[in-house]
């Protein structure tokens, strides 16, 4: 995260020797930080996860951001709202990548999802299409790292929105 330029303020507080609390003031910074599960800080891996009131410092969080690919998704479903509706069958959608938003890679859509890695991950989701039709959409989970040695906890999007600092899109 060294040298990373944020659009707004990011408050950082030390919880203990292994955990920090990051509180970005803007949603764009929240999503940027959250878009990667692992960051390198001072040449050490740092895992990022969302704050949870049940957080216990000596227990790893099972909630993790994972990029998901939806290969062969019909192009008319590339709208952010449609992709988020599909992704909610897996976890909490956070954002779609630029190529998906611009429809410049129509072979697949990518969406970042917060999911509970302690639960089984579905290999496909059922799409309900117009006129009573349905189809199965295959899901590919992109996983860069499974466990890191250091963790960061950060503010939730609802805290940012509650403070009135959510960016307009």
N, C-alpha and C. Protein backbone atom coordinates (compact mmCIF):
# COMPACT_ATOMS: atom_id res chain seq x y z
N UNK A 1 0.82 -1.18 0.00
CA UNK A 1 0.00 0.00 0.00
C UNK A 1 0.87 1.25 0.00
N UNK A 2 2.16 1.05 0.18
CA UNK A 2 3.05 2.20 0.18
C UNK A 2 2.97 2.92 -1.16
N UNK A 3 2.90 4.22 -1.09
CA UNK A 3 2.84 5.01 -2.31
C UNK A 3 1.47 5.02 -2.97
N UNK A 4 0.51 4.32 -2.39
CA UNK A 4 -0.82 4.29 -2.97
C UNK A 4 -1.50 5.63 -2.72
N UNK A 5 -2.02 6.21 -3.77
CA UNK A 5 -2.68 7.50 -3.63
C UNK A 5 -4.18 7.27 -3.50
N UNK A 6 -4.75 7.80 -2.42
CA UNK A 6 -6.17 7.68 -2.18
C UNK A 6 -6.86 8.96 -2.61
N UNK A 7 -8.12 8.84 -3.00
CA UNK A 7 -8.90 10.01 -3.41
C UNK A 7 -9.31 10.85 -2.21
N UNK A 8 -9.48 10.21 -1.07
CA UNK A 8 -9.88 10.91 0.15
C UNK A 8 -8.97 10.51 1.29
N UNK A 9 -9.39 10.88 2.48
CA UNK A 9 -8.62 10.54 3.68
C UNK A 9 -8.85 9.08 4.05
N UNK A 10 -7.80 8.44 4.56
CA UNK A 10 -7.89 7.09 5.09
C UNK A 10 -7.26 7.12 6.47
N UNK A 11 -8.09 7.01 7.50
CA UNK A 11 -7.60 6.98 8.87
C UNK A 11 -7.09 5.57 9.16
N UNK A 12 -5.92 5.48 9.80
CA UNK A 12 -5.31 4.20 10.13
C UNK A 12 -5.06 4.16 11.62
N UNK A 13 -5.52 3.10 12.26
CA UNK A 13 -5.30 2.93 13.70
C UNK A 13 -4.80 1.53 13.99
N UNK A 14 -3.87 1.42 14.91
CA UNK A 14 -3.31 0.13 15.29
C UNK A 14 -4.20 -0.52 16.35
N UNK A 15 -4.63 -1.76 16.07
CA UNK A 15 -5.44 -2.51 17.04
C UNK A 15 -4.52 -3.32 17.94
N UNK A 16 -3.59 -4.05 17.33
CA UNK A 16 -2.58 -4.80 18.06
C UNK A 16 -1.39 -5.00 17.12
N UNK A 17 -0.46 -5.86 17.47
CA UNK A 17 0.73 -6.05 16.66
C UNK A 17 0.49 -6.65 15.29
N UNK A 18 -0.69 -7.20 15.07
CA UNK A 18 -1.01 -7.84 13.78
C UNK A 18 -2.17 -7.19 13.04
N UNK A 19 -2.89 -6.28 13.65
CA UNK A 19 -4.12 -5.77 13.04
C UNK A 19 -4.18 -4.25 13.08
N UNK A 20 -4.61 -3.69 11.96
CA UNK A 20 -4.84 -2.26 11.85
C UNK A 20 -6.28 -2.05 11.41
N UNK A 21 -6.81 -0.90 11.74
CA UNK A 21 -8.14 -0.51 11.29
C UNK A 21 -7.97 0.61 10.27
N UNK A 22 -8.44 0.38 9.05
CA UNK A 22 -8.43 1.41 8.01
C UNK A 22 -9.84 1.94 7.86
N UNK A 23 -9.97 3.25 7.85
CA UNK A 23 -11.28 3.87 7.70
C UNK A 23 -11.23 4.88 6.56
N UNK A 24 -11.51 4.42 5.34
CA UNK A 24 -11.52 5.35 4.20
C UNK A 24 -12.74 6.26 4.25
N UNK A 25 -12.54 7.51 3.84
CA UNK A 25 -13.65 8.47 3.86
C UNK A 25 -14.51 8.39 2.61
N UNK A 26 -13.98 7.79 1.54
CA UNK A 26 -14.73 7.71 0.29
C UNK A 26 -14.92 6.26 -0.14
N UNK A 27 -16.06 5.99 -0.75
CA UNK A 27 -16.36 4.64 -1.22
C UNK A 27 -15.34 4.18 -2.27
N UNK A 28 -14.87 5.08 -3.11
CA UNK A 28 -13.91 4.69 -4.14
C UNK A 28 -12.64 4.12 -3.50
N UNK A 29 -12.21 4.67 -2.38
CA UNK A 29 -11.05 4.14 -1.68
C UNK A 29 -11.37 2.81 -1.00
N UNK A 30 -12.57 2.71 -0.42
CA UNK A 30 -13.02 1.45 0.17
C UNK A 30 -12.94 0.34 -0.88
N UNK A 31 -13.49 0.59 -2.06
CA UNK A 31 -13.52 -0.43 -3.11
C UNK A 31 -12.12 -0.73 -3.63
N UNK A 32 -11.28 0.27 -3.72
CA UNK A 32 -9.91 0.06 -4.19
C UNK A 32 -9.14 -0.83 -3.22
N UNK A 33 -9.26 -0.53 -1.94
CA UNK A 33 -8.58 -1.35 -0.92
C UNK A 33 -9.16 -2.75 -0.92
N UNK A 34 -10.46 -2.85 -1.00
CA UNK A 34 -11.17 -4.12 -0.90
C UNK A 34 -11.01 -4.99 -2.14
N UNK A 35 -10.62 -4.39 -3.26
CA UNK A 35 -10.55 -5.14 -4.52
C UNK A 35 -9.44 -6.19 -4.53
N UNK A 36 -8.53 -6.09 -3.59
CA UNK A 36 -7.46 -7.09 -3.47
C UNK A 36 -7.48 -7.66 -2.07
N UNK A 37 -7.35 -8.95 -1.98
CA UNK A 37 -7.33 -9.59 -0.67
C UNK A 37 -5.97 -9.42 0.00
N UNK A 38 -4.93 -9.31 -0.80
CA UNK A 38 -3.58 -9.28 -0.24
C UNK A 38 -2.83 -8.06 -0.77
N UNK A 39 -2.21 -7.33 0.15
CA UNK A 39 -1.37 -6.18 -0.19
C UNK A 39 0.01 -6.43 0.41
N UNK A 40 1.00 -5.84 -0.20
CA UNK A 40 2.35 -5.90 0.37
C UNK A 40 2.61 -4.56 1.06
N UNK A 41 2.95 -4.63 2.33
CA UNK A 41 3.26 -3.44 3.12
C UNK A 41 4.59 -3.69 3.81
N UNK A 42 5.56 -2.85 3.53
CA UNK A 42 6.91 -3.00 4.08
C UNK A 42 7.43 -4.42 3.83
N UNK A 43 7.23 -4.90 2.61
CA UNK A 43 7.68 -6.23 2.18
C UNK A 43 7.05 -7.38 2.95
N UNK A 44 5.92 -7.13 3.57
CA UNK A 44 5.20 -8.19 4.28
C UNK A 44 3.78 -8.28 3.73
N UNK A 45 3.26 -9.50 3.57
CA UNK A 45 1.89 -9.63 3.08
C UNK A 45 0.89 -9.18 4.13
N UNK A 46 -0.12 -8.46 3.69
CA UNK A 46 -1.16 -7.99 4.58
C UNK A 46 -2.51 -8.34 3.98
N UNK A 47 -3.28 -9.13 4.68
CA UNK A 47 -4.60 -9.55 4.22
C UNK A 47 -5.62 -8.50 4.62
N UNK A 48 -6.53 -8.21 3.71
CA UNK A 48 -7.57 -7.21 3.94
C UNK A 48 -8.91 -7.92 4.11
N UNK A 49 -9.63 -7.55 5.14
CA UNK A 49 -10.98 -8.06 5.28
C UNK A 49 -11.86 -7.00 5.92
N UNK A 50 -13.16 -7.15 5.72
CA UNK A 50 -14.14 -6.19 6.19
C UNK A 50 -14.33 -6.32 7.69
N UNK A 51 -14.50 -5.20 8.34
CA UNK A 51 -14.77 -5.18 9.77
C UNK A 51 -16.05 -5.94 10.07
N UNK A 52 -16.03 -6.68 11.14
CA UNK A 52 -17.19 -7.42 11.62
C UNK A 52 -17.24 -7.23 13.12
N UNK A 53 -18.40 -6.87 13.67
CA UNK A 53 -18.49 -6.65 15.12
C UNK A 53 -18.08 -7.87 15.95
N UNK A 54 -18.13 -9.05 15.36
CA UNK A 54 -17.73 -10.25 16.11
C UNK A 54 -16.24 -10.55 15.96
N UNK A 55 -15.47 -9.58 15.45
CA UNK A 55 -14.04 -9.77 15.23
C UNK A 55 -13.32 -10.17 16.52
N UNK A 56 -12.51 -11.21 16.41
CA UNK A 56 -11.64 -11.66 17.51
C UNK A 56 -10.23 -11.71 16.92
N UNK A 57 -9.29 -10.93 17.48
CA UNK A 57 -7.96 -10.81 16.87
C UNK A 57 -7.23 -12.12 16.59
N UNK A 58 -7.40 -13.14 17.41
CA UNK A 58 -6.65 -14.37 17.19
C UNK A 58 -7.39 -15.39 16.32
N UNK A 59 -8.47 -14.96 15.67
CA UNK A 59 -9.22 -15.85 14.78
C UNK A 59 -9.31 -15.20 13.39
N UNK A 60 -8.97 -15.97 12.37
CA UNK A 60 -9.03 -15.47 11.00
C UNK A 60 -10.48 -15.29 10.56
N UNK A 61 -10.73 -14.24 9.81
CA UNK A 61 -12.07 -14.01 9.27
C UNK A 61 -12.29 -14.90 8.05
N UNK A 62 -13.47 -15.46 7.94
CA UNK A 62 -13.82 -16.28 6.78
C UNK A 62 -14.38 -15.42 5.65
N UNK A 63 -14.71 -14.16 5.93
CA UNK A 63 -15.25 -13.27 4.91
C UNK A 63 -14.08 -12.72 4.10
N UNK A 64 -14.13 -12.95 2.80
CA UNK A 64 -13.01 -12.56 1.94
C UNK A 64 -13.52 -12.08 0.59
N UNK A 65 -12.82 -11.11 -0.02
CA UNK A 65 -13.20 -10.69 -1.37
C UNK A 65 -12.61 -11.65 -2.40
N UNK A 66 -13.41 -12.03 -3.35
CA UNK A 66 -12.96 -12.94 -4.40
C UNK A 66 -13.51 -12.45 -5.74
N UNK A 67 -12.64 -12.37 -6.73
CA UNK A 67 -13.09 -12.06 -8.08
C UNK A 67 -13.73 -13.31 -8.67
N UNK A 68 -14.87 -13.13 -9.28
CA UNK A 68 -15.63 -14.23 -9.89
C UNK A 68 -15.81 -13.92 -11.37
N UNK A 69 -15.57 -14.93 -12.21
CA UNK A 69 -15.78 -14.79 -13.65
C UNK A 69 -17.06 -15.51 -14.04
N UNK A 70 -17.83 -14.86 -14.88
CA UNK A 70 -19.06 -15.44 -15.42
C UNK A 70 -18.87 -15.57 -16.93
N UNK A 71 -18.26 -16.67 -17.35
CA UNK A 71 -17.98 -16.88 -18.77
C UNK A 71 -19.26 -17.19 -19.53
N UNK A 72 -19.35 -16.61 -20.72
CA UNK A 72 -20.50 -16.87 -21.57
C UNK A 72 -21.78 -16.19 -21.13
N UNK A 73 -21.68 -15.24 -20.22
CA UNK A 73 -22.88 -14.52 -19.77
C UNK A 73 -23.46 -13.75 -20.95
N UNK A 74 -24.76 -13.87 -21.20
CA UNK A 74 -25.36 -13.12 -22.31
C UNK A 74 -25.08 -11.62 -22.16
N UNK A 75 -24.75 -10.98 -23.25
CA UNK A 75 -24.32 -9.58 -23.24
C UNK A 75 -25.41 -8.66 -22.67
N UNK A 76 -26.67 -9.01 -22.83
CA UNK A 76 -27.72 -8.15 -22.29
C UNK A 76 -27.77 -8.19 -20.76
N UNK A 77 -27.01 -9.10 -20.14
CA UNK A 77 -26.94 -9.17 -18.68
C UNK A 77 -25.66 -8.52 -18.13
N UNK A 78 -24.93 -7.79 -18.97
CA UNK A 78 -23.70 -7.15 -18.53
C UNK A 78 -23.93 -5.85 -17.75
N UNK A 79 -25.15 -5.44 -17.57
CA UNK A 79 -25.43 -4.25 -16.77
C UNK A 79 -25.04 -4.53 -15.32
N UNK A 80 -24.52 -3.54 -14.64
CA UNK A 80 -24.08 -3.69 -13.25
C UNK A 80 -25.19 -4.28 -12.38
N UNK A 81 -26.40 -3.79 -12.54
CA UNK A 81 -27.51 -4.26 -11.71
C UNK A 81 -27.79 -5.75 -11.94
N UNK A 82 -27.72 -6.19 -13.19
CA UNK A 82 -27.96 -7.60 -13.50
C UNK A 82 -26.85 -8.48 -12.93
N UNK A 83 -25.61 -8.04 -13.09
CA UNK A 83 -24.48 -8.82 -12.56
C UNK A 83 -24.54 -8.88 -11.04
N UNK A 84 -24.88 -7.77 -10.40
CA UNK A 84 -25.01 -7.77 -8.94
C UNK A 84 -26.13 -8.71 -8.49
N UNK A 85 -27.23 -8.74 -9.23
CA UNK A 85 -28.33 -9.64 -8.88
C UNK A 85 -27.88 -11.10 -8.97
N UNK A 86 -27.11 -11.42 -9.99
CA UNK A 86 -26.57 -12.78 -10.15
C UNK A 86 -25.60 -13.08 -9.01
N UNK A 87 -24.72 -12.13 -8.72
CA UNK A 87 -23.68 -12.32 -7.71
C UNK A 87 -24.25 -12.48 -6.31
N UNK A 88 -25.41 -11.91 -6.05
CA UNK A 88 -26.00 -12.03 -4.71
C UNK A 88 -26.36 -13.47 -4.38
N UNK A 89 -26.43 -14.33 -5.39
CA UNK A 89 -26.65 -15.75 -5.14
C UNK A 89 -25.41 -16.43 -4.57
N UNK A 90 -24.28 -15.72 -4.57
CA UNK A 90 -23.01 -16.28 -4.10
C UNK A 90 -22.55 -15.57 -2.83
N UNK A 91 -22.67 -14.25 -2.82
CA UNK A 91 -22.19 -13.44 -1.70
C UNK A 91 -22.60 -12.00 -1.91
N UNK A 92 -21.86 -11.09 -1.30
CA UNK A 92 -22.16 -9.67 -1.40
C UNK A 92 -21.32 -9.04 -2.51
N UNK A 93 -21.95 -8.62 -3.63
CA UNK A 93 -21.17 -8.01 -4.71
C UNK A 93 -20.64 -6.64 -4.30
N UNK A 94 -19.40 -6.35 -4.72
CA UNK A 94 -18.78 -5.06 -4.42
C UNK A 94 -18.62 -4.20 -5.66
N UNK A 95 -18.07 -4.77 -6.74
CA UNK A 95 -17.87 -4.00 -7.96
C UNK A 95 -17.63 -4.93 -9.13
N UNK A 96 -17.80 -4.37 -10.33
CA UNK A 96 -17.45 -5.09 -11.55
C UNK A 96 -16.17 -4.47 -12.09
N UNK A 97 -15.42 -5.24 -12.86
CA UNK A 97 -14.18 -4.69 -13.39
C UNK A 97 -14.46 -3.78 -14.59
N UNK A 98 -13.45 -3.03 -14.99
CA UNK A 98 -13.60 -2.02 -16.04
C UNK A 98 -14.03 -2.65 -17.37
N UNK A 99 -13.42 -3.78 -17.74
CA UNK A 99 -13.76 -4.42 -19.01
C UNK A 99 -15.23 -4.86 -19.04
N UNK A 100 -15.73 -5.29 -17.90
CA UNK A 100 -17.15 -5.68 -17.82
C UNK A 100 -18.03 -4.44 -17.94
N UNK A 101 -17.69 -3.39 -17.23
CA UNK A 101 -18.48 -2.15 -17.27
C UNK A 101 -18.51 -1.56 -18.67
N UNK A 102 -17.39 -1.67 -19.39
CA UNK A 102 -17.32 -1.11 -20.74
C UNK A 102 -17.73 -2.11 -21.82
N UNK A 103 -18.02 -3.32 -21.40
CA UNK A 103 -18.40 -4.41 -22.32
C UNK A 103 -17.34 -4.64 -23.40
N UNK A 104 -16.08 -4.44 -23.02
CA UNK A 104 -14.99 -4.61 -23.98
C UNK A 104 -14.47 -6.04 -24.01
N UNK A 105 -14.96 -6.89 -23.12
CA UNK A 105 -14.59 -8.30 -23.10
C UNK A 105 -15.89 -9.10 -22.98
N UNK A 106 -16.64 -9.22 -24.08
CA UNK A 106 -17.97 -9.86 -23.99
C UNK A 106 -17.94 -11.36 -23.73
N UNK A 107 -16.77 -11.97 -23.69
CA UNK A 107 -16.69 -13.41 -23.43
C UNK A 107 -16.95 -13.76 -21.97
N UNK A 108 -16.73 -12.78 -21.06
CA UNK A 108 -17.00 -13.04 -19.65
C UNK A 108 -17.17 -11.72 -18.90
N UNK A 109 -17.91 -11.81 -17.82
CA UNK A 109 -18.05 -10.69 -16.90
C UNK A 109 -17.29 -11.04 -15.63
N UNK A 110 -16.72 -10.02 -14.98
CA UNK A 110 -16.03 -10.24 -13.71
C UNK A 110 -16.64 -9.34 -12.65
N UNK A 111 -16.83 -9.92 -11.46
CA UNK A 111 -17.41 -9.18 -10.35
C UNK A 111 -16.65 -9.56 -9.08
N UNK A 112 -16.39 -8.56 -8.25
CA UNK A 112 -15.75 -8.80 -6.96
C UNK A 112 -16.85 -9.04 -5.94
N UNK A 113 -16.74 -10.15 -5.23
CA UNK A 113 -17.78 -10.56 -4.28
C UNK A 113 -17.14 -10.84 -2.93
N UNK A 114 -17.78 -10.37 -1.87
CA UNK A 114 -17.39 -10.78 -0.53
C UNK A 114 -18.15 -12.06 -0.23
N UNK A 115 -17.40 -13.09 0.12
CA UNK A 115 -18.09 -14.34 0.44
C UNK A 115 -17.48 -14.98 1.67
N UNK A 116 -18.22 -15.91 2.21
CA UNK A 116 -17.79 -16.65 3.39
C UNK A 116 -17.05 -17.89 2.91
N UNK A 117 -15.73 -17.86 3.02
CA UNK A 117 -14.92 -18.97 2.49
C UNK A 117 -15.04 -20.24 3.32
N UNK A 118 -15.72 -20.18 4.46
CA UNK A 118 -15.91 -21.39 5.26
C UNK A 118 -17.09 -22.22 4.75
N UNK A 119 -17.87 -21.64 3.85
CA UNK A 119 -19.03 -22.33 3.29
C UNK A 119 -18.71 -22.84 1.89
N UNK A 120 -19.39 -23.90 1.46
CA UNK A 120 -19.16 -24.40 0.10
C UNK A 120 -19.50 -23.34 -0.95
N UNK A 121 -18.68 -23.27 -1.98
CA UNK A 121 -18.89 -22.29 -3.04
C UNK A 121 -19.64 -22.96 -4.19
N UNK A 122 -20.77 -22.40 -4.59
CA UNK A 122 -21.53 -23.04 -5.67
C UNK A 122 -20.77 -22.95 -7.00
N UNK A 123 -20.77 -24.03 -7.79
CA UNK A 123 -20.09 -24.00 -9.09
C UNK A 123 -20.90 -23.29 -10.17
N UNK A 124 -22.19 -23.08 -9.89
CA UNK A 124 -23.06 -22.42 -10.86
C UNK A 124 -24.26 -21.82 -10.14
N UNK A 125 -24.90 -20.86 -10.80
CA UNK A 125 -26.14 -20.27 -10.29
C UNK A 125 -27.19 -20.34 -11.39
N UNK A 126 -28.42 -20.39 -10.97
CA UNK A 126 -29.53 -20.47 -11.93
C UNK A 126 -29.99 -19.06 -12.27
N UNK A 127 -30.06 -18.77 -13.56
CA UNK A 127 -30.55 -17.48 -14.04
C UNK A 127 -32.01 -17.64 -14.42
N UNK A 128 -32.84 -16.76 -13.94
CA UNK A 128 -34.25 -16.75 -14.34
C UNK A 128 -34.36 -15.72 -15.47
N UNK A 129 -34.73 -16.18 -16.63
CA UNK A 129 -34.78 -15.35 -17.82
C UNK A 129 -36.24 -15.00 -18.16
N UNK A 130 -36.44 -14.06 -19.07
CA UNK A 130 -37.81 -13.69 -19.45
C UNK A 130 -38.59 -14.88 -20.01
N UNK A 131 -39.89 -14.76 -19.97
CA UNK A 131 -40.82 -15.74 -20.53
C UNK A 131 -40.73 -17.09 -19.83
N UNK A 132 -40.36 -17.08 -18.55
CA UNK A 132 -40.33 -18.32 -17.78
C UNK A 132 -39.15 -19.22 -18.07
N UNK A 133 -38.20 -18.76 -18.85
CA UNK A 133 -37.01 -19.56 -19.16
C UNK A 133 -35.97 -19.43 -18.06
N UNK A 134 -35.08 -20.39 -18.00
CA UNK A 134 -33.97 -20.32 -17.05
C UNK A 134 -32.75 -20.95 -17.69
N UNK A 135 -31.60 -20.65 -17.11
CA UNK A 135 -30.33 -21.21 -17.58
C UNK A 135 -29.37 -21.27 -16.40
N UNK A 136 -28.38 -22.13 -16.51
CA UNK A 136 -27.35 -22.23 -15.48
C UNK A 136 -26.13 -21.43 -15.91
N UNK A 137 -25.60 -20.64 -15.01
CA UNK A 137 -24.40 -19.85 -15.27
C UNK A 137 -23.25 -20.43 -14.48
N UNK A 138 -22.21 -20.85 -15.19
CA UNK A 138 -21.01 -21.38 -14.53
C UNK A 138 -20.26 -20.24 -13.84
N UNK A 139 -19.64 -20.56 -12.72
CA UNK A 139 -18.89 -19.58 -11.94
C UNK A 139 -17.45 -20.06 -11.81
N UNK A 140 -16.52 -19.15 -12.06
CA UNK A 140 -15.11 -19.45 -11.84
C UNK A 140 -14.60 -18.50 -10.76
N UNK A 141 -14.08 -19.07 -9.69
CA UNK A 141 -13.55 -18.28 -8.59
C UNK A 141 -12.07 -18.04 -8.83
N UNK A 142 -11.66 -16.79 -8.82
CA UNK A 142 -10.26 -16.44 -9.00
C UNK A 142 -9.69 -16.19 -7.61
N UNK A 143 -8.71 -16.93 -7.26
CA UNK A 143 -8.15 -16.83 -5.91
C UNK A 143 -6.65 -16.62 -6.02
N UNK A 144 -6.16 -15.50 -5.51
CA UNK A 144 -4.73 -15.23 -5.61
C UNK A 144 -3.95 -15.80 -4.43
N UNK A 145 -4.47 -15.66 -3.23
CA UNK A 145 -3.75 -16.11 -2.04
C UNK A 145 -4.77 -16.66 -1.04
N UNK A 146 -4.41 -17.67 -0.33
CA UNK A 146 -5.35 -18.23 0.64
C UNK A 146 -5.18 -17.63 2.03
N UNK A 147 -3.96 -17.56 2.52
CA UNK A 147 -3.74 -17.05 3.87
C UNK A 147 -2.52 -16.13 3.86
N UNK A 148 -2.61 -15.04 4.56
CA UNK A 148 -1.48 -14.13 4.71
C UNK A 148 -1.13 -14.05 6.19
N UNK A 149 0.01 -13.47 6.47
CA UNK A 149 0.46 -13.44 7.86
C UNK A 149 -0.07 -12.25 8.64
N UNK A 150 -0.50 -11.21 7.98
CA UNK A 150 -0.95 -10.01 8.66
C UNK A 150 -2.31 -9.61 8.11
N UNK A 151 -3.17 -9.05 8.94
CA UNK A 151 -4.50 -8.69 8.48
C UNK A 151 -4.78 -7.21 8.71
N UNK A 152 -5.64 -6.67 7.86
CA UNK A 152 -6.13 -5.30 8.03
C UNK A 152 -7.64 -5.40 8.18
N UNK A 153 -8.19 -4.61 9.04
CA UNK A 153 -9.64 -4.54 9.16
C UNK A 153 -10.03 -3.15 8.70
N UNK A 154 -11.12 -3.04 7.99
CA UNK A 154 -11.51 -1.73 7.50
C UNK A 154 -12.97 -1.45 7.72
N UNK A 155 -13.33 -0.20 7.56
CA UNK A 155 -14.70 0.23 7.78
C UNK A 155 -15.64 -0.36 6.73
N UNK A 156 -16.88 -0.52 7.10
CA UNK A 156 -17.87 -1.04 6.17
C UNK A 156 -18.38 0.08 5.28
N UNK A 157 -18.93 -0.29 4.14
CA UNK A 157 -19.50 0.69 3.22
C UNK A 157 -20.65 1.43 3.89
N UNK A 158 -21.40 0.75 4.76
CA UNK A 158 -22.53 1.42 5.40
C UNK A 158 -22.06 2.54 6.32
N UNK A 159 -20.89 2.38 6.96
CA UNK A 159 -20.36 3.46 7.79
C UNK A 159 -20.01 4.66 6.93
N UNK A 160 -19.43 4.42 5.77
CA UNK A 160 -19.08 5.52 4.87
C UNK A 160 -20.35 6.22 4.41
N UNK A 161 -21.35 5.45 4.01
CA UNK A 161 -22.61 6.02 3.54
C UNK A 161 -23.30 6.79 4.66
N UNK A 162 -23.25 6.24 5.88
CA UNK A 162 -23.89 6.88 7.02
C UNK A 162 -23.28 8.25 7.29
N UNK A 163 -21.99 8.39 7.02
CA UNK A 163 -21.33 9.66 7.24
C UNK A 163 -21.51 10.60 6.05
N UNK A 164 -22.26 10.15 5.02
CA UNK A 164 -22.55 11.00 3.88
C UNK A 164 -21.38 11.20 2.94
N UNK A 165 -20.47 10.24 2.90
CA UNK A 165 -19.27 10.41 2.09
C UNK A 165 -19.22 9.43 0.93
N UNK A 166 -20.35 8.86 0.56
CA UNK A 166 -20.40 7.93 -0.57
C UNK A 166 -20.29 8.72 -1.86
N UNK A 167 -19.42 8.27 -2.74
CA UNK A 167 -19.25 8.95 -4.02
C UNK A 167 -20.44 8.71 -4.92
N UNK A 168 -20.77 9.69 -5.71
CA UNK A 168 -21.82 9.54 -6.71
C UNK A 168 -21.23 8.86 -7.92
N UNK A 169 -21.97 7.94 -8.51
CA UNK A 169 -21.49 7.24 -9.70
C UNK A 169 -22.30 7.65 -10.88
